[in-house]
C-alpha atoms as a PDB file:
ATOM      1  CA  MET A   1      74.652 -89.779 -62.246  1.00  0.00           C
ATOM      2  CA  HIS A   2      74.017 -90.788 -58.653  1.00  0.00           C
ATOM      3  CA  ILE A   3      73.174 -87.974 -56.256  1.00  0.00           C
ATOM      4  CA  TYR A   4      76.365 -88.522 -54.271  1.00  0.00           C
ATOM      5  CA  LEU A   5      78.488 -88.028 -57.371  1.00  0.00           C
ATOM      6  CA  LEU A   6      76.641 -84.802 -58.082  1.00  0.00           C
ATOM      7  CA  TYR A   7      77.162 -83.789 -54.482  1.00  0.00           C
ATOM      8  CA  LEU A   8      80.858 -84.559 -54.737  1.00  0.00           C
ATOM      9  CA  ALA A   9      81.089 -82.606 -57.965  1.00  0.00           C
ATOM     10  CA  ASP A  10      79.619 -79.575 -56.237  1.00  0.00           C
ATOM     11  CA  ILE A  11      81.911 -79.582 -53.229  1.00  0.00           C
ATOM     12  CA  ASP A  12      85.056 -81.343 -54.413  1.00  0.00           C
ATOM     13  CA  THR A  13      86.725 -80.708 -57.750  1.00  0.00           C
ATOM     14  CA  HIS A  14      89.355 -83.401 -57.281  1.00  0.00           C
ATOM     15  CA  ASP A  15      89.502 -85.469 -60.463  1.00  0.00           C
ATOM     16  CA  TRP A  16      90.455 -89.038 -59.563  1.00  0.00           C
ATOM     17  CA  GLU A  17      89.671 -90.323 -63.066  1.00  0.00           C
ATOM     18  CA  GLY A  18      91.971 -87.673 -64.508  1.00  0.00           C
ATOM     19  CA  HIS A  19      94.794 -88.831 -62.247  1.00  0.00           C
ATOM     20  CA  TRP A  20      94.399 -92.412 -63.436  1.00  0.00           C
ATOM     21  CA  LYS A  21      94.182 -91.429 -67.097  1.00  0.00           C
ATOM     22  CA  GLU A  22      97.375 -89.396 -66.806  1.00  0.00           C
ATOM     23  CA  GLY A  23      99.173 -92.037 -64.742  1.00  0.00           C
ATOM     24  CA  ASN A  24      99.510 -89.528 -61.929  1.00  0.00           C
ATOM     25  CA  THR A  25      99.226 -91.984 -59.034  1.00  0.00           C
ATOM     26  CA  GLY A  26     101.922 -90.851 -56.657  1.00  0.00           C
ATOM     27  CA  TRP A  27     100.018 -92.347 -53.730  1.00  0.00           C
ATOM     28  CA  ASP A  28     100.601 -95.871 -55.100  1.00  0.00           C
ATOM     29  CA  ALA A  29     103.022 -97.588 -52.701  1.00  0.00           C
ATOM     30  CA  GLY A  30     103.378-100.721 -54.815  1.00  0.00           C
ATOM     31  CA  GLU A  31     102.504-103.192 -52.058  1.00  0.00           C
ATOM     32  CA  PRO A  32      99.807-104.089 -49.510  1.00  0.00           C
ATOM     33  CA  SER A  33      99.558-101.819 -46.488  1.00  0.00           C
ATOM     34  CA  PRO A  34     102.305-102.880 -44.037  1.00  0.00           C
ATOM     35  CA  ALA A  35      99.931-102.313 -41.120  1.00  0.00           C
ATOM     36  CA  LEU A  36      97.337-104.646 -42.648  1.00  0.00           C
ATOM     37  CA  VAL A  37      99.972-107.293 -43.288  1.00  0.00           C
ATOM     38  CA  GLU A  38     101.163-107.038 -39.692  1.00  0.00           C
ATOM     39  CA  LEU A  39      97.581-107.254 -38.427  1.00  0.00           C
ATOM     40  CA  LEU A  40      97.005-110.560 -40.188  1.00  0.00           C
ATOM     41  CA  GLU A  41     100.414-111.979 -39.331  1.00  0.00           C
ATOM     42  CA  ASN A  42      99.878-111.375 -35.613  1.00  0.00           C
ATOM     43  CA  GLU A  43      98.013-114.300 -34.054  1.00  0.00           C
ATOM     44  CA  GLU A  44      96.126-112.145 -31.543  1.00  0.00           C
ATOM     45  CA  THR A  45      94.779-109.608 -34.018  1.00  0.00           C
ATOM     46  CA  ARG A  46      94.275-112.165 -36.780  1.00  0.00           C
ATOM     47  CA  SER A  47      91.850-113.989 -34.492  1.00  0.00           C
ATOM     48  CA  LEU A  48      89.610-110.902 -34.457  1.00  0.00           C
ATOM     49  CA  ILE A  49      89.252-110.847 -38.248  1.00  0.00           C
ATOM     50  CA  PRO A  50      86.972-113.319 -40.060  1.00  0.00           C
ATOM     51  CA  ASP A  51      88.940-115.608 -42.361  1.00  0.00           C
ATOM     52  CA  HIS A  52      85.885-116.515 -44.433  1.00  0.00           C
ATOM     53  CA  GLY A  53      82.850-114.948 -46.063  1.00  0.00           C
ATOM     54  CA  LYS A  54      82.670-111.737 -48.081  1.00  0.00           C
ATOM     55  CA  ALA A  55      84.998-108.738 -47.757  1.00  0.00           C
ATOM     56  CA  LEU A  56      84.998-105.251 -49.277  1.00  0.00           C
ATOM     57  CA  VAL A  57      87.781-102.766 -50.021  1.00  0.00           C
ATOM     58  CA  PRO A  58      86.391 -99.431 -51.319  1.00  0.00           C
ATOM     59  CA  GLY A  59      88.636 -97.003 -53.161  1.00  0.00           C
ATOM     60  CA  CYS A  60      90.861 -99.996 -53.838  1.00  0.00           C
ATOM     61  CA  GLY A  61      93.279 -98.239 -56.208  1.00  0.00           C
ATOM     62  CA  SER A  62      95.839-100.689 -57.567  1.00  0.00           C
ATOM     63  CA  GLY A  63      94.279-103.521 -55.604  1.00  0.00           C
ATOM     64  CA  TYR A  64      97.207-104.693 -53.485  1.00  0.00           C
ATOM     65  CA  ASP A  65      95.102-104.998 -50.330  1.00  0.00           C
ATOM     66  CA  VAL A  66      92.344-106.834 -52.204  1.00  0.00           C
ATOM     67  CA  VAL A  67      94.761-109.480 -53.436  1.00  0.00           C
ATOM     68  CA  PHE A  68      96.383-109.771 -50.013  1.00  0.00           C
ATOM     69  CA  LEU A  69      93.081-110.297 -48.189  1.00  0.00           C
ATOM     70  CA  ALA A  70      91.683-112.904 -50.569  1.00  0.00           C
ATOM     71  CA  ASN A  71      91.951-116.564 -49.659  1.00  0.00           C
ATOM     72  CA  GLU A  72      90.120-119.807 -50.373  1.00  0.00           C
ATOM     73  CA  LYS A  73      87.388-119.011 -47.848  1.00  0.00           C
ATOM     74  CA  ARG A  74      87.264-115.213 -48.060  1.00  0.00           C
ATOM     75  CA  HIS A  75      86.035-113.592 -51.269  1.00  0.00           C
ATOM     76  CA  VAL A  76      87.146-109.972 -51.617  1.00  0.00           C
ATOM     77  CA  THR A  77      85.587-107.251 -53.755  1.00  0.00           C
ATOM     78  CA  GLY A  78      87.556-104.114 -54.547  1.00  0.00           C
ATOM     79  CA  ILE A  79      85.604-101.140 -55.872  1.00  0.00           C
ATOM     80  CA  ASP A  80      86.780 -97.870 -57.326  1.00  0.00           C
ATOM     81  CA  LEU A  81      85.002 -94.922 -58.903  1.00  0.00           C
ATOM     82  CA  SER A  82      87.559 -94.510 -61.698  1.00  0.00           C
ATOM     83  CA  PRO A  83      86.796 -96.513 -64.862  1.00  0.00           C
ATOM     84  CA  THR A  84      90.426 -96.236 -65.952  1.00  0.00           C
ATOM     85  CA  CYS A  85      91.596 -97.648 -62.628  1.00  0.00           C
ATOM     86  CA  VAL A  86      89.235-100.610 -62.837  1.00  0.00           C
ATOM     87  CA  GLU A  87      90.031-101.272 -66.501  1.00  0.00           C
ATOM     88  CA  SER A  88      93.690-101.511 -65.523  1.00  0.00           C
ATOM     89  CA  LEU A  89      92.878-103.844 -62.645  1.00  0.00           C
ATOM     90  CA  LEU A  90      90.854-106.167 -64.861  1.00  0.00           C
ATOM     91  CA  LYS A  91      93.664-106.245 -67.405  1.00  0.00           C
ATOM     92  CA  ASN A  92      96.339-106.925 -64.792  1.00  0.00           C
ATOM     93  CA  HIS A  93      94.336-109.562 -62.912  1.00  0.00           C
ATOM     94  CA  PRO A  94      92.770-111.824 -65.556  1.00  0.00           C
ATOM     95  CA  ASP A  95      92.752-114.752 -63.121  1.00  0.00           C
ATOM     96  CA  ALA A  96      91.141-112.857 -60.231  1.00  0.00           C
ATOM     97  CA  ALA A  97      88.124-115.169 -60.034  1.00  0.00           C
ATOM     98  CA  GLU A  98      90.404-118.185 -59.623  1.00  0.00           C
ATOM     99  CA  HIS A  99      91.930-116.537 -56.561  1.00  0.00           C
ATOM    100  CA  ASN A 100      88.613-115.465 -55.011  1.00  0.00           C
ATOM    101  CA  TYR A 101      88.600-111.722 -55.628  1.00  0.00           C
ATOM    102  CA  GLN A 102      87.057-109.261 -58.075  1.00  0.00           C
ATOM    103  CA  PHE A 103      87.201-105.596 -59.067  1.00  0.00           C
ATOM    104  CA  LEU A 104      84.178-103.424 -59.857  1.00  0.00           C
ATOM    105  CA  CYS A 105      83.736 -99.849 -61.018  1.00  0.00           C
ATOM    106  CA  ALA A 106      81.184 -98.639 -58.504  1.00  0.00           C
ATOM    107  CA  ASP A 107      80.001 -95.795 -56.305  1.00  0.00           C
ATOM    108  CA  PHE A 108      80.478 -96.788 -52.660  1.00  0.00           C
ATOM    109  CA  PHE A 109      77.291 -94.985 -51.694  1.00  0.00           C
ATOM    110  CA  ASN A 110      75.172 -96.736 -54.312  1.00  0.00           C
ATOM    111  CA  PHE A 111      76.144-100.226 -55.407  1.00  0.00           C
ATOM    112  CA  ASP A 112      74.528-103.635 -55.090  1.00  0.00           C
ATOM    113  CA  VAL A 113      75.505-105.204 -51.784  1.00  0.00           C
ATOM    114  CA  PRO A 114      75.447-109.022 -51.646  1.00  0.00           C
ATOM    115  CA  ASP A 115      72.655-110.663 -49.699  1.00  0.00           C
ATOM    116  CA  GLY A 116      73.448-110.687 -46.006  1.00  0.00           C
ATOM    117  CA  GLY A 117      76.062-107.946 -46.277  1.00  0.00           C
ATOM    118  CA  TYR A 118      79.808-108.144 -45.760  1.00  0.00           C
ATOM    119  CA  ASP A 119      81.659-110.076 -43.076  1.00  0.00           C
ATOM    120  CA  LEU A 120      84.654-107.751 -43.361  1.00  0.00           C
ATOM    121  CA  ALA A 121      85.460-104.317 -44.760  1.00  0.00           C
ATOM    122  CA  TYR A 122      88.796-102.534 -44.942  1.00  0.00           C
ATOM    123  CA  ASP A 123      89.096 -98.760 -45.286  1.00  0.00           C
ATOM    124  CA  TYR A 124      92.402 -97.044 -46.017  1.00  0.00           C
ATOM    125  CA  THR A 125      92.903 -93.700 -47.758  1.00  0.00           C
ATOM    126  CA  PHE A 126      89.200 -93.712 -48.568  1.00  0.00           C
ATOM    127  CA  LEU A 127      87.678 -91.647 -45.767  1.00  0.00           C
ATOM    128  CA  CYS A 128      90.470 -89.095 -46.165  1.00  0.00           C
ATOM    129  CA  ALA A 129      89.647 -88.786 -49.873  1.00  0.00           C
ATOM    130  CA  LEU A 130      86.060 -87.734 -49.156  1.00  0.00           C
ATOM    131  CA  PRO A 131      85.100 -84.161 -48.294  1.00  0.00           C
ATOM    132  CA  PRO A 132      84.508 -84.041 -44.505  1.00  0.00           C
ATOM    133  CA  VAL A 133      80.843 -83.155 -45.021  1.00  0.00           C
ATOM    134  CA  LEU A 134      80.319 -86.700 -46.326  1.00  0.00           C
ATOM    135  CA  ARG A 135      81.800 -88.422 -43.291  1.00  0.00           C
ATOM    136  CA  PRO A 136      78.467 -89.136 -41.550  1.00  0.00           C
ATOM    137  CA  ASP A 137      77.205 -90.729 -44.779  1.00  0.00           C
ATOM    138  CA  TRP A 138      80.399 -92.797 -44.986  1.00  0.00           C
ATOM    139  CA  ALA A 139      79.783 -94.156 -41.484  1.00  0.00           C
ATOM    140  CA  LYS A 140      76.096 -94.788 -42.151  1.00  0.00           C
ATOM    141  CA  ARG A 141      76.870 -96.678 -45.328  1.00  0.00           C
ATOM    142  CA  TYR A 142      79.334 -98.979 -43.586  1.00  0.00           C
ATOM    143  CA  SER A 143      76.788 -99.659 -40.846  1.00  0.00           C
ATOM    144  CA  GLU A 144      74.346-100.732 -43.560  1.00  0.00           C
ATOM    145  CA  ILE A 145      76.624-102.992 -45.589  1.00  0.00           C
ATOM    146  CA  ILE A 146      78.571-104.758 -42.819  1.00  0.00           C
ATOM    147  CA  LYS A 147      76.479-107.490 -41.235  1.00  0.00           C
ATOM    148  CA  LYS A 148      75.880-107.542 -37.487  1.00  0.00           C
ATOM    149  CA  GLY A 149      78.879-109.187 -35.892  1.00  0.00           C
ATOM    150  CA  GLY A 150      80.966-108.324 -38.941  1.00  0.00           C
ATOM    151  CA  VAL A 151      84.340-106.620 -38.702  1.00  0.00           C
ATOM    152  CA  PHE A 152      85.528-103.247 -39.970  1.00  0.00           C
ATOM    153  CA  VAL A 153      89.267-102.543 -40.167  1.00  0.00           C
ATOM    154  CA  THR A 154      90.218 -98.877 -40.462  1.00  0.00           C
ATOM    155  CA  LEU A 155      93.722 -97.689 -41.188  1.00  0.00           C
ATOM    156  CA  MET A 156      93.504 -94.066 -40.087  1.00  0.00           C
ATOM    157  CA  TYR A 157      95.476 -91.635 -42.236  1.00  0.00           C
ATOM    158  CA  PRO A 158      96.606 -88.835 -42.247  1.00  0.00           C
ATOM    159  CA  ILE A 159      96.485 -88.111 -38.525  1.00  0.00           C
ATOM    160  CA  ASP A 160      97.517 -84.478 -38.350  1.00  0.00           C
ATOM    161  CA  ASN A 161      96.047 -80.982 -38.377  1.00  0.00           C
ATOM    162  CA  HIS A 162      96.598 -79.789 -41.930  1.00  0.00           C
ATOM    163  CA  GLU A 163      93.836 -77.930 -43.723  1.00  0.00           C
ATOM    164  CA  GLY A 164      92.299 -78.831 -47.050  1.00  0.00           C
ATOM    165  CA  GLY A 165      92.681 -81.960 -49.093  1.00  0.00           C
ATOM    166  CA  PRO A 166      92.447 -84.573 -50.300  1.00  0.00           C
ATOM    167  CA  PRO A 167      93.797 -86.209 -48.314  1.00  0.00           C
ATOM    168  CA  TYR A 168      91.776 -84.537 -45.571  1.00  0.00           C
ATOM    169  CA  ALA A 169      93.152 -84.738 -42.040  1.00  0.00           C
ATOM    170  CA  VAL A 170      91.620 -87.287 -39.666  1.00  0.00           C
ATOM    171  CA  SER A 171      92.037 -88.260 -36.023  1.00  0.00           C
ATOM    172  CA  GLU A 172      91.269 -91.168 -33.750  1.00  0.00           C
ATOM    173  CA  GLN A 173      88.442 -89.131 -32.242  1.00  0.00           C
ATOM    174  CA  VAL A 174      86.921 -88.488 -35.670  1.00  0.00           C
ATOM    175  CA  TYR A 175      86.587 -92.231 -36.221  1.00  0.00           C
ATOM    176  CA  LYS A 176      85.180 -92.814 -32.747  1.00  0.00           C
ATOM    177  CA  ASP A 177      82.600 -90.084 -33.214  1.00  0.00           C
ATOM    178  CA  LEU A 178      81.563 -91.493 -36.580  1.00  0.00           C
ATOM    179  CA  LEU A 179      81.474 -95.184 -35.735  1.00  0.00           C
ATOM    180  CA  SER A 180      80.628 -95.626 -32.053  1.00  0.00           C
ATOM    181  CA  ALA A 181      76.867 -95.681 -32.612  1.00  0.00           C
ATOM    182  CA  HIS A 182      77.051 -98.876 -34.667  1.00  0.00           C
ATOM    183  CA  PHE A 183      80.480-100.379 -33.945  1.00  0.00           C
ATOM    184  CA  ASP A 184      82.440-101.497 -30.889  1.00  0.00           C
ATOM    185  CA  LEU A 185      86.161-100.735 -30.903  1.00  0.00           C
ATOM    186  CA  LEU A 186      88.076-103.975 -30.312  1.00  0.00           C
ATOM    187  CA  PHE A 187      91.656-102.916 -30.994  1.00  0.00           C
ATOM    188  CA  ILE A 188      93.700 -99.857 -31.895  1.00  0.00           C
ATOM    189  CA  LYS A 189      97.421 -99.120 -32.131  1.00  0.00           C
ATOM    190  CA  ASP A 190      99.938 -96.956 -33.932  1.00  0.00           C
ATOM    191  CA  ALA A 191     100.404 -98.436 -37.367  1.00  0.00           C
ATOM    192  CA  LYS A 192     103.461 -99.857 -39.019  1.00  0.00           C
ATOM    193  CA  GLY A 193     103.258 -97.877 -42.235  1.00  0.00           C
ATOM    194  CA  HIS A 194     105.044 -96.761 -45.329  1.00  0.00           C
ATOM    195  CA  GLU A 195     108.083 -94.689 -44.392  1.00  0.00           C
ATOM    196  CA  SER A 196     106.586 -91.397 -45.561  1.00  0.00           C
ATOM    197  CA  ARG A 197     103.547 -91.965 -43.342  1.00  0.00           C
ATOM    198  CA  LEU A 198     105.185 -93.070 -40.098  1.00  0.00           C
ATOM    199  CA  GLY A 199     103.630 -91.443 -37.052  1.00  0.00           C
ATOM    200  CA  ARG A 200     100.552 -90.392 -39.007  1.00  0.00           C
ATOM    201  CA  GLU A 201      98.641 -93.674 -39.009  1.00  0.00           C
ATOM    202  CA  LYS A 202      96.728 -95.850 -36.569  1.00  0.00           C
ATOM    203  CA  ILE A 203      95.004 -99.128 -37.295  1.00  0.00           C
ATOM    204  CA  ALA A 204      91.808-100.213 -35.589  1.00  0.00           C
ATOM    205  CA  ILE A 205      89.447-103.175 -35.565  1.00  0.00           C
ATOM    206  CA  TRP A 206      85.739-102.553 -35.031  1.00  0.00           C
ATOM    207  CA  LYS A 207      82.846-104.990 -34.634  1.00  0.00           C
ATOM    208  CA  ARG A 208      79.375-104.238 -35.940  1.00  0.00           C
ATOM    209  CA  LYS A 209      76.882-104.130 -33.069  1.00  0.00           C
END
């Protein structure tokens, strides 16, 4: 087992694989993130996001955002740590390769990154699923796998002050503190989100320095 999984096991007893095995996926909204859809439908913000190359969605869950982001010129990889989750994705998307996306069971902190790195990465409900002690490693890993000049889209959630998790509380300042060393902030706004999350999300576009 990779050291990060051991580390997680020591400090976080949350059993994501157990949730998937039991079908206990109450976080599944059944559609792509409304804020991401809006971002790509808006001409101004769409122009900031590469429409080609390689993209990554870690903690991809049911894969809605992966499918939404994929196009003829942009190949998207969704990864998840749960074997049951990925088995379901592979079963439900037998024609994924034809539509320029794929799903892998992988550890975000230790998987084979394609040569040259990623042109785009999208993070939503992934940072908040990690114990806060791993946040610096999360930021470092993204700085390593996104190529210089590449784009990182973060949908920040949940923005509040609750204790414990997951999901662990985040804030705009948390992201700035984590990412500013290696990324420039190009855009940020309150997010158009799922009804239960309104007022607790912001979406941002960052560019790798």
